[in-house]
Amino acid sequence: MVNAENSQWHLSKSVPLTFIIAIVCQTVALVWYVSSLDNSISNNTREIMRHEVRIENIEKVVQTQALTLARIDENIKSIRSAVENMANAKKN
């Protein structure tokens, strides 16, 4: 059987205090880094959502402009046709 005193965890006195402080500082730095990384991900997610809304709005505007441009083009063709008909009627 294992003695209860021997199974307990203990720290040897030969471990320098600076080593323990370094481990604690690295742990704090790791927690800070992961926290800032999570914050950056959250900010990026928010920005992506905002950009998606803007892109949808821009796509709607572009579609409206394309429709308007097609109408203008058809009107120009109609006007050109009417002017050509008037020019041909005047010649005859």
Protein backbone atom coordinates (compact mmCIF):
# COMPACT_ATOMS: atom_id res chain seq x y z
CA MET A 1 0.00 0.00 0.00
CA VAL A 2 1.01 3.56 -0.70
CA ASN A 3 1.55 5.77 2.30
CA ALA A 4 -0.70 8.89 2.33
CA GLU A 5 2.26 11.16 2.99
CA ASN A 6 4.19 9.85 -0.03
CA SER A 7 1.23 10.18 -2.43
CA GLN A 8 0.70 13.88 -1.77
CA TRP A 9 2.12 16.33 -4.27
CA HIS A 10 4.95 18.52 -3.03
CA LEU A 11 7.35 21.04 -4.42
CA SER A 12 11.03 20.50 -4.01
CA LYS A 13 13.01 23.31 -2.41
CA SER A 14 15.48 23.10 -5.28
CA VAL A 15 12.93 24.71 -7.67
CA PRO A 16 13.79 28.42 -7.90
CA LEU A 17 11.13 31.01 -7.12
CA THR A 18 11.79 32.77 -10.44
CA PHE A 19 10.73 29.57 -12.27
CA ILE A 20 7.38 29.58 -10.46
CA ILE A 21 6.92 33.29 -11.14
CA ALA A 22 7.75 32.73 -14.82
CA ILE A 23 5.12 29.95 -15.05
CA VAL A 24 2.51 32.20 -13.42
CA CYS A 25 3.39 35.10 -15.75
CA GLN A 26 3.16 32.84 -18.81
CA THR A 27 -0.22 31.56 -17.65
CA VAL A 28 -1.50 35.11 -17.19
CA ALA A 29 -0.12 36.09 -20.61
CA LEU A 30 -1.79 33.08 -22.22
CA VAL A 31 -5.15 33.92 -20.64
CA TRP A 32 -4.77 37.56 -21.76
CA TYR A 33 -3.86 36.48 -25.31
CA VAL A 34 -6.82 34.10 -25.61
CA SER A 35 -9.13 36.77 -24.23
CA SER A 36 -7.91 39.37 -26.72
CA LEU A 37 -8.17 36.80 -29.50
CA ASP A 38 -11.79 36.10 -28.54
CA ASN A 39 -12.47 39.84 -28.48
CA SER A 40 -10.95 40.23 -31.95
CA ILE A 41 -13.08 37.39 -33.28
CA SER A 42 -16.19 39.00 -31.84
CA ASN A 43 -15.30 42.35 -33.39
CA ASN A 44 -14.61 40.73 -36.76
CA THR A 45 -17.93 38.87 -36.64
CA ARG A 46 -19.75 42.14 -35.92
CA GLU A 47 -17.93 43.90 -38.77
CA ILE A 48 -18.68 41.06 -41.19
CA MET A 49 -22.39 41.27 -40.35
CA ARG A 50 -22.32 45.04 -40.86
CA HIS A 51 -20.56 44.65 -44.21
CA GLU A 52 -23.03 41.99 -45.32
CA VAL A 53 -25.91 44.41 -44.70
CA ARG A 54 -24.12 47.15 -46.63
CA ILE A 55 -23.37 44.79 -49.53
CA GLU A 56 -27.03 43.73 -49.70
CA ASN A 57 -28.08 47.37 -49.84
CA ILE A 58 -25.51 48.13 -52.54
CA GLU A 59 -26.68 45.12 -54.57
CA LYS A 60 -30.25 46.41 -54.41
CA VAL A 61 -29.13 49.85 -55.60
CA VAL A 62 -27.09 48.34 -58.44
CA GLN A 63 -30.06 46.23 -59.57
CA THR A 64 -32.29 49.31 -59.55
CA GLN A 65 -29.70 51.26 -61.53
CA ALA A 66 -29.37 48.43 -64.06
CA LEU A 67 -33.14 48.41 -64.55
CA THR A 68 -33.21 52.19 -64.94
CA LEU A 69 -30.33 52.04 -67.42
CA ALA A 70 -32.16 49.41 -69.47
CA ARG A 71 -35.25 51.64 -69.55
CA ILE A 72 -33.17 54.63 -70.61
CA ASP A 73 -31.56 52.55 -73.35
CA GLU A 74 -34.97 51.46 -74.65
CA ASN A 75 -36.19 55.07 -74.59
CA ILE A 76 -33.13 56.19 -76.57
CA LYS A 77 -33.73 53.45 -79.13
CA SER A 78 -37.36 54.53 -79.42
CA ILE A 79 -36.40 58.19 -79.83
CA ARG A 80 -33.73 57.30 -82.42
CA SER A 81 -36.26 55.23 -84.34
CA ALA A 82 -38.79 58.08 -84.25
CA VAL A 83 -36.19 60.62 -85.42
CA GLU A 84 -35.08 58.31 -88.26
CA ASN A 85 -38.72 57.84 -89.30
CA MET A 86 -39.21 61.64 -89.32
CA ALA A 87 -36.00 62.10 -91.34
CA ASN A 88 -37.08 59.46 -93.85
CA ALA A 89 -40.58 60.98 -94.13
CA LYS A 90 -39.09 64.45 -94.76
CA LYS A 91 -36.83 63.08 -97.55
CA ASN A 92 -39.76 61.49 -99.38
